[in-house]
Protein backbone atom coordinates (compact mmCIF):
# COMPACT_ATOMS: atom_id res chain seq x y z
CA MET A 1 -100.65 -69.38 -88.61
CA SER A 2 -97.05 -68.49 -87.93
CA GLY A 3 -94.88 -71.51 -87.16
CA HIS A 4 -97.42 -74.06 -88.34
CA SER A 5 -96.03 -74.87 -91.74
CA ARG A 6 -95.10 -78.44 -92.53
CA TRP A 7 -91.53 -77.47 -93.48
CA SER A 8 -91.03 -75.72 -90.16
CA GLN A 9 -92.04 -78.85 -88.26
CA ILE A 10 -89.77 -81.06 -90.36
CA LYS A 11 -86.87 -78.63 -89.95
CA HIS A 12 -87.12 -78.67 -86.15
CA LYS A 13 -87.43 -82.46 -85.95
CA LYS A 14 -84.52 -82.94 -88.34
CA GLY A 15 -82.39 -80.48 -86.37
CA ALA A 16 -83.04 -82.35 -83.13
CA ASN A 17 -82.33 -85.73 -84.73
CA ASP A 18 -79.13 -84.45 -86.35
CA LYS A 19 -77.91 -83.09 -83.02
CA LYS A 20 -78.48 -86.43 -81.26
CA ARG A 21 -76.80 -88.31 -84.10
CA ALA A 22 -73.79 -85.99 -84.01
CA GLN A 23 -73.45 -86.49 -80.25
CA LEU A 24 -73.61 -90.27 -80.72
CA PHE A 25 -70.97 -90.15 -83.48
CA SER A 26 -68.74 -88.03 -81.25
CA LYS A 27 -69.05 -90.47 -78.35
CA LEU A 28 -68.34 -93.46 -80.58
CA SER A 29 -65.31 -91.71 -82.13
CA LYS A 30 -63.88 -91.04 -78.68
CA LEU A 31 -64.40 -94.69 -77.78
CA ILE A 32 -62.54 -95.76 -80.93
CA SER A 33 -59.68 -93.32 -80.26
CA LEU A 34 -59.33 -94.55 -76.69
CA ALA A 35 -59.24 -98.19 -77.84
CA ALA A 36 -56.80 -97.39 -80.67
CA ARG A 37 -54.16 -96.23 -78.19
CA LYS A 38 -53.52 -99.92 -77.45
CA GLY A 39 -52.93 -100.67 -81.13
CA ALA A 40 -54.31 -99.45 -84.45
CA ASN A 41 -54.91 -102.91 -85.90
CA PRO A 42 -58.43 -104.23 -85.14
CA GLU A 43 -57.26 -107.81 -85.78
CA THR A 44 -54.88 -107.71 -82.80
CA ASN A 45 -56.81 -105.23 -80.64
CA MET A 46 -60.18 -106.72 -79.64
CA GLU A 47 -61.24 -103.56 -77.80
CA LEU A 48 -60.76 -101.56 -81.01
CA LYS A 49 -62.55 -104.20 -83.06
CA ASN A 50 -65.55 -104.08 -80.70
CA ALA A 51 -65.60 -100.26 -80.77
CA ILE A 52 -65.54 -100.26 -84.58
CA GLU A 53 -68.34 -102.84 -84.74
CA GLN A 54 -70.41 -100.75 -82.33
CA ALA A 55 -69.81 -97.64 -84.44
CA ARG A 56 -70.78 -99.47 -87.64
CA SER A 57 -74.00 -100.68 -85.99
CA PHE A 58 -74.96 -96.99 -85.67
CA ASP A 59 -73.94 -96.26 -89.30
CA VAL A 60 -70.89 -94.15 -88.47
CA PRO A 61 -69.11 -93.38 -91.78
CA ASN A 62 -65.78 -95.14 -92.43
CA ASP A 63 -64.05 -91.74 -92.74
CA ASN A 64 -65.02 -90.92 -89.15
CA ILE A 65 -63.75 -94.30 -87.94
CA GLU A 66 -60.42 -93.93 -89.75
CA ARG A 67 -60.01 -90.36 -88.48
CA ALA A 68 -60.59 -91.53 -84.89
CA ILE A 69 -57.93 -94.25 -85.26
CA LYS A 70 -55.43 -91.77 -86.75
CA LYS A 71 -56.16 -89.31 -83.96
CA ALA A 72 -55.01 -91.87 -81.39
CA SER A 73 -51.70 -92.42 -83.17
CA ASP A 74 -51.00 -88.69 -83.57
CA LYS A 75 -48.70 -87.76 -80.69
CA SER A 76 -49.22 -84.01 -81.16
CA ALA A 77 -52.99 -84.32 -80.69
CA THR A 78 -54.51 -84.15 -77.25
CA GLN A 79 -54.80 -87.58 -75.68
CA LEU A 80 -58.10 -88.90 -74.40
CA GLU A 81 -58.49 -90.48 -70.99
CA GLU A 82 -61.24 -92.47 -69.36
CA LEU A 83 -62.83 -91.20 -66.15
CA SER A 84 -64.99 -93.09 -63.69
CA ILE A 85 -67.16 -90.85 -61.53
CA GLU A 86 -69.41 -92.02 -58.70
CA ALA A 87 -72.46 -90.16 -57.45
CA ILE A 88 -75.60 -90.43 -55.36
CA GLY A 89 -78.74 -89.44 -57.27
CA PRO A 90 -82.34 -88.60 -56.37
CA GLY A 91 -83.95 -91.14 -54.08
CA GLY A 92 -80.52 -92.38 -52.96
CA ILE A 93 -79.71 -94.30 -56.14
CA ALA A 94 -76.06 -95.05 -56.82
CA LEU A 95 -74.57 -93.88 -60.14
CA LYS A 96 -71.36 -94.88 -61.89
CA ILE A 97 -70.58 -92.45 -64.68
CA LYS A 98 -68.02 -93.34 -67.34
CA ALA A 99 -66.60 -90.44 -69.36
CA ILE A 100 -63.99 -90.17 -72.10
CA THR A 101 -62.39 -86.75 -72.22
CA ASP A 102 -59.41 -84.73 -73.31
CA ASN A 103 -59.76 -82.39 -70.32
CA ARG A 104 -60.32 -84.13 -66.98
CA ASN A 105 -61.01 -80.99 -64.94
CA ARG A 106 -63.57 -79.57 -67.38
CA THR A 107 -65.49 -82.84 -67.52
CA ILE A 108 -65.57 -83.27 -63.74
CA VAL A 109 -66.83 -79.69 -63.30
CA GLU A 110 -69.52 -80.14 -65.98
CA VAL A 111 -70.72 -83.47 -64.54
CA LYS A 112 -70.71 -82.00 -61.03
CA HIS A 113 -72.81 -79.08 -62.30
CA ILE A 114 -75.32 -81.46 -63.95
CA LEU A 115 -75.52 -83.50 -60.75
CA SER A 116 -76.08 -80.45 -58.53
CA GLU A 117 -78.85 -79.17 -60.84
CA ASN A 118 -80.58 -82.53 -60.47
CA ASN A 119 -80.41 -82.95 -56.68
CA SER A 120 -77.41 -85.28 -56.86
CA LYS A 121 -73.84 -85.16 -55.61
CA LEU A 122 -70.39 -86.60 -56.29
CA VAL A 123 -68.97 -89.09 -53.82
CA PRO A 124 -65.38 -90.29 -53.34
CA PRO A 125 -64.35 -93.23 -55.56
CA GLY A 126 -65.26 -96.64 -54.11
CA THR A 127 -67.93 -95.23 -51.79
CA ILE A 128 -70.97 -96.70 -53.54
CA SER A 129 -69.65 -99.96 -55.01
CA TRP A 130 -71.36 -102.00 -52.27
CA MET A 131 -74.72 -100.52 -53.30
CA PHE A 132 -74.61 -102.21 -56.72
CA ASN A 133 -75.30 -105.58 -55.11
CA GLN A 134 -78.65 -104.31 -53.91
CA LYS A 135 -81.71 -103.59 -56.05
CA VAL A 136 -83.33 -100.22 -55.40
CA SER A 137 -86.88 -99.59 -56.92
CA ILE A 138 -88.43 -96.13 -56.88
CA THR A 139 -92.18 -95.94 -56.38
CA ASP A 140 -92.44 -92.16 -55.99
CA LEU A 141 -93.34 -90.65 -59.37
CA GLU A 142 -91.69 -87.29 -58.62
CA THR A 143 -88.39 -88.98 -57.71
CA GLN A 144 -88.59 -91.14 -60.84
CA ASN A 145 -89.08 -88.00 -62.97
CA ARG A 146 -86.02 -86.35 -61.36
CA ILE A 147 -83.98 -89.50 -62.04
CA ASP A 148 -85.10 -89.54 -65.69
CA LYS A 149 -84.19 -85.85 -66.04
CA LEU A 150 -80.75 -86.52 -64.52
CA PHE A 151 -80.06 -89.43 -66.91
CA GLU A 152 -81.13 -87.31 -69.88
CA ALA A 153 -78.87 -84.41 -68.83
CA LEU A 154 -75.89 -86.74 -68.33
CA ASP A 155 -76.55 -88.38 -71.69
CA ASP A 156 -76.57 -84.96 -73.40
CA GLN A 157 -73.10 -84.16 -72.01
CA ASN A 158 -70.64 -84.96 -74.82
CA ASP A 159 -67.91 -86.53 -72.67
CA VAL A 160 -70.20 -88.90 -70.74
CA GLU A 161 -70.01 -92.33 -72.35
CA ASN A 162 -72.12 -94.48 -70.03
CA VAL A 163 -74.15 -94.17 -66.83
CA GLU A 164 -74.96 -97.16 -64.64
CA SER A 165 -77.21 -97.22 -61.61
CA ASN A 166 -78.40 -99.74 -59.05
CA LEU A 167 -82.01 -98.95 -59.94
CA LYS A 168 -84.16 -101.80 -61.28
């Protein structure tokens, strides 16, 4: 009966949940740090205020929020930047990927690797913007599964903040 104990099951579920929660906290902290570069006072910086409210809605501790704001004001710390990456996914869907990173080259390489593993490719900026006016629905189950796998892989990447597509 190896591996069938109740504690073992709880431990694995808790580990998976903790990992997802940590990734979410990391993404929200980066969002706060990026917004705090425009001003550390949430009363005068609406972008920061919205980022803090979003973090609080996911129960991010106040210490984490304050640390993210201080990180933005620390000039010796690495500065975060926002990237916008465009790609074509399985079934010809258009993807706009928003990432917040401290290392532009690393993030682009990692996203490109995820895309290539999932039958997708990067395209030059501005290439797919016209496709977002159209609605593309996928009826092929295999293509839909590949798209779901791609979205999950991109979501697991720490620097990726948001992924938009023209898919219904």
